[in-house]
Amino acid sequence: MKFTKILAIILSITTGGYAYAESTKPNILVAYYSLTGKTEKTATEIANVSGGTLYKIQPDKSYPDNKKERRKVLEQEMEQNYLPPLKATNINPENYDIIFLGSPVWGNHISQPIKSFLSLYNLSGKTVIPFVTHSGGGRGQSFNDVAELCTNCIVDMDGWSSWGSGVGKKLTKWVNAQIQEIK
């Protein structure tokens, strides 16, 4: 009995107080921006499957409800490469090992709020797994955008892309495969 307690104390000291199994479990963040709810639905499913922390990225200022006005604002932001300020949060992405990063595809690229997110944090050495939703036009340059903006990250260029919300058995299988691959 004493030997077991001594071994537990030594293990605690040498591993910084963490049990080995706990220290090898990746800390997962599922960060996303969603304009219409499609990306949010996918993000929620990824968080449920992965056990990750769900974090909704939100611009300080909402986009117009009117589709025509909203399209004009989005086009201007993309043309000017405007990075909208984001609402403050108590989540620090730098504290996570794996970040599933979700965005709608706008004009073949990731959304401006996701670009803002990537400009705010140093994610060097983190594994970033992009996932996008689109209206039929495909992922476009979205995964390349993440790789360009997330310098010194390990970006999975085979992320998830779906028309609509993309939830279901295929998504569950993909999430589990991503986590297994990283372990």
Protein backbone atom coordinates (compact mmCIF):
# COMPACT_ATOMS: atom_id res chain seq x y z
CA MET A 1 0.00 0.00 0.00
CA LYS A 2 2.80 2.46 0.89
CA PHE A 3 4.63 1.61 -2.35
CA THR A 4 1.52 2.52 -4.38
CA LYS A 5 1.17 5.88 -2.62
CA ILE A 6 4.87 6.67 -3.09
CA LEU A 7 4.63 5.73 -6.78
CA ALA A 8 1.54 7.96 -7.17
CA ILE A 9 3.38 10.90 -5.56
CA ILE A 10 6.44 10.40 -7.79
CA LEU A 11 4.20 10.17 -10.87
CA SER A 12 2.36 13.31 -9.81
CA ILE A 13 5.61 15.24 -9.38
CA THR A 14 7.19 14.05 -12.63
CA THR A 15 4.08 14.62 -14.75
CA GLY A 16 3.15 17.98 -13.30
CA GLY A 17 0.23 16.52 -11.36
CA TYR A 18 -1.46 14.97 -14.38
CA ALA A 19 -2.05 11.30 -14.89
CA TYR A 20 -0.47 10.07 -18.12
CA ALA A 21 -3.75 9.24 -19.81
CA GLU A 22 -5.14 12.70 -19.02
CA SER A 23 -2.07 14.52 -20.35
CA THR A 24 -2.26 12.74 -23.72
CA LYS A 25 -5.92 13.58 -24.27
CA PRO A 26 -6.06 16.51 -26.71
CA ASN A 27 -7.83 19.69 -25.65
CA ILE A 28 -10.29 20.43 -28.49
CA LEU A 29 -11.96 23.70 -29.47
CA VAL A 30 -14.71 23.89 -32.08
CA ALA A 31 -14.67 27.54 -33.15
CA TYR A 32 -17.03 28.71 -35.85
CA TYR A 33 -18.81 31.62 -37.45
CA SER A 34 -22.30 31.05 -38.83
CA LEU A 35 -24.46 33.55 -40.66
CA THR A 36 -27.54 31.43 -41.41
CA GLY A 37 -27.20 28.55 -38.93
CA LYS A 38 -25.83 25.89 -41.30
CA THR A 39 -22.25 26.14 -40.04
CA GLU A 40 -23.52 26.29 -36.45
CA LYS A 41 -25.37 23.00 -36.88
CA THR A 42 -22.22 21.32 -38.21
CA ALA A 43 -20.10 22.84 -35.43
CA THR A 44 -22.50 21.61 -32.76
CA GLU A 45 -22.31 18.08 -34.15
CA ILE A 46 -18.50 18.20 -34.26
CA ALA A 47 -18.41 19.37 -30.63
CA ASN A 48 -20.80 16.59 -29.59
CA VAL A 49 -18.73 13.90 -31.31
CA SER A 50 -15.30 15.22 -30.29
CA GLY A 51 -16.15 16.34 -26.76
CA GLY A 52 -14.67 19.71 -27.68
CA THR A 53 -15.58 23.15 -26.36
CA LEU A 54 -18.03 24.93 -28.67
CA TYR A 55 -17.20 28.59 -29.36
CA LYS A 56 -19.29 30.88 -31.58
CA ILE A 57 -17.23 33.64 -33.18
CA GLN A 58 -19.33 36.80 -33.37
CA PRO A 59 -18.62 40.15 -35.00
CA ASP A 60 -19.25 43.22 -32.84
CA LYS A 61 -21.78 44.42 -35.38
CA SER A 62 -24.41 42.13 -36.91
CA TYR A 63 -24.80 41.88 -40.66
CA PRO A 64 -28.03 43.30 -42.17
CA ASP A 65 -31.06 40.98 -42.22
CA ASN A 66 -32.00 42.12 -45.72
CA LYS A 67 -30.23 39.74 -48.15
CA LYS A 68 -29.52 42.42 -50.75
CA GLU A 69 -28.03 44.84 -48.19
CA ARG A 70 -26.10 42.01 -46.52
CA ARG A 71 -24.60 40.86 -49.82
CA LYS A 72 -23.43 44.43 -50.52
CA VAL A 73 -21.76 44.69 -47.09
CA LEU A 74 -20.12 41.25 -47.45
CA GLU A 75 -18.79 42.08 -50.92
CA GLN A 76 -17.34 45.39 -49.66
CA GLU A 77 -15.66 43.66 -46.71
CA MET A 78 -14.12 41.03 -48.97
CA GLU A 79 -12.95 43.56 -51.59
CA GLN A 80 -11.34 45.76 -48.93
CA ASN A 81 -10.13 42.76 -46.89
CA TYR A 82 -11.86 44.35 -43.92
CA LEU A 83 -11.53 42.37 -40.69
CA PRO A 84 -14.61 43.05 -38.56
CA PRO A 85 -13.94 43.46 -34.82
CA LEU A 86 -15.16 40.48 -32.81
CA LYS A 87 -17.10 40.37 -29.56
CA ALA A 88 -14.97 39.74 -26.49
CA THR A 89 -14.84 36.21 -25.12
CA ASN A 90 -13.39 34.32 -22.20
CA ILE A 91 -12.20 31.54 -24.53
CA ASN A 92 -8.51 31.61 -25.45
CA PRO A 93 -7.89 29.44 -28.52
CA GLU A 94 -4.17 29.41 -27.71
CA ASN A 95 -4.98 27.06 -24.79
CA TYR A 96 -6.21 24.27 -27.09
CA ASP A 97 -4.30 21.56 -28.97
CA ILE A 98 -6.78 20.97 -31.78
CA ILE A 99 -9.06 23.60 -33.29
CA PHE A 100 -11.88 22.63 -35.60
CA LEU A 101 -12.50 25.92 -37.42
CA GLY A 102 -15.83 26.44 -39.19
CA SER A 103 -16.97 29.01 -41.70
CA PRO A 104 -19.50 29.53 -44.44
CA VAL A 105 -17.92 29.91 -47.88
CA TRP A 106 -18.25 33.45 -49.19
CA GLY A 107 -17.15 34.06 -52.78
CA ASN A 108 -14.96 30.89 -52.66
CA HIS A 109 -13.23 32.05 -49.45
CA ILE A 110 -13.66 31.82 -45.69
CA SER A 111 -15.78 34.49 -44.06
CA GLN A 112 -14.31 37.78 -42.88
CA PRO A 113 -15.11 37.02 -39.21
CA ILE A 114 -12.96 33.86 -39.47
CA LYS A 115 -10.16 35.93 -40.98
CA SER A 116 -10.50 38.30 -38.00
CA PHE A 117 -10.31 35.35 -35.61
CA LEU A 118 -7.14 34.03 -37.26
CA SER A 119 -5.54 37.49 -37.12
CA LEU A 120 -6.22 37.83 -33.38
CA TYR A 121 -4.55 34.68 -32.07
CA ASN A 122 -1.15 33.02 -32.31
CA LEU A 123 -2.02 29.44 -33.16
CA SER A 124 1.54 28.36 -33.97
CA GLY A 125 2.01 24.64 -33.45
CA LYS A 126 -1.74 24.01 -33.14
CA THR A 127 -3.58 21.53 -35.34
CA VAL A 128 -6.31 23.43 -37.20
CA ILE A 129 -8.96 21.43 -39.01
CA PRO A 130 -11.16 23.59 -41.23
CA PHE A 131 -14.78 22.77 -41.97
CA VAL A 132 -17.04 24.79 -44.24
CA THR A 133 -20.61 24.90 -45.42
CA HIS A 134 -21.66 26.23 -48.80
CA SER A 135 -24.68 26.55 -51.06
CA GLY A 136 -23.43 24.23 -53.76
CA GLY A 137 -20.29 26.02 -54.91
CA GLY A 138 -17.89 23.80 -52.98
CA ARG A 139 -15.11 24.73 -50.58
CA GLY A 140 -13.35 27.03 -53.08
CA GLN A 141 -10.13 28.48 -51.65
CA SER A 142 -11.34 28.28 -48.04
CA PHE A 143 -8.83 25.67 -46.79
CA ASN A 144 -6.00 27.52 -48.56
CA ASP A 145 -7.16 30.73 -46.83
CA VAL A 146 -6.84 29.04 -43.44
CA ALA A 147 -3.37 27.72 -44.29
CA GLU A 148 -2.22 31.17 -45.45
CA LEU A 149 -3.60 33.02 -42.42
CA CYS A 150 -2.66 30.45 -39.81
CA THR A 151 1.10 30.60 -40.07
CA ASN A 152 3.08 27.88 -38.33
CA CYS A 153 -0.09 25.84 -37.78
CA ILE A 154 -0.67 22.30 -38.85
CA VAL A 155 -3.64 22.79 -41.17
CA ASP A 156 -5.55 19.74 -42.37
CA MET A 157 -6.08 20.52 -46.04
CA ASP A 158 -8.61 17.67 -46.28
CA GLY A 159 -11.09 19.36 -43.93
CA TRP A 160 -14.86 18.96 -44.07
CA SER A 161 -16.96 20.62 -46.75
CA SER A 162 -20.69 20.20 -47.11
CA TRP A 163 -23.63 21.64 -48.90
CA GLY A 164 -26.03 22.73 -46.18
CA SER A 165 -25.40 21.74 -42.59
CA GLY A 166 -23.59 18.49 -43.35
CA VAL A 167 -24.49 16.57 -40.20
CA GLY A 168 -24.92 12.82 -40.07
CA LYS A 169 -23.01 9.56 -39.99
CA LYS A 170 -20.36 10.70 -42.49
CA LEU A 171 -19.55 13.74 -40.35
CA THR A 172 -19.33 11.62 -37.18
CA LYS A 173 -17.00 9.18 -38.93
CA TRP A 174 -14.84 12.05 -40.26
CA VAL A 175 -14.52 13.71 -36.82
CA ASN A 176 -13.51 10.44 -35.17
CA ALA A 177 -10.95 9.79 -37.92
CA GLN A 178 -9.44 13.27 -37.47
CA ILE A 179 -9.01 12.79 -33.73
CA GLN A 180 -7.55 9.28 -34.16
CA GLU A 181 -5.08 10.58 -36.75
CA ILE A 182 -3.79 13.23 -34.36
CA LYS A 183 -3.43 10.91 -31.37
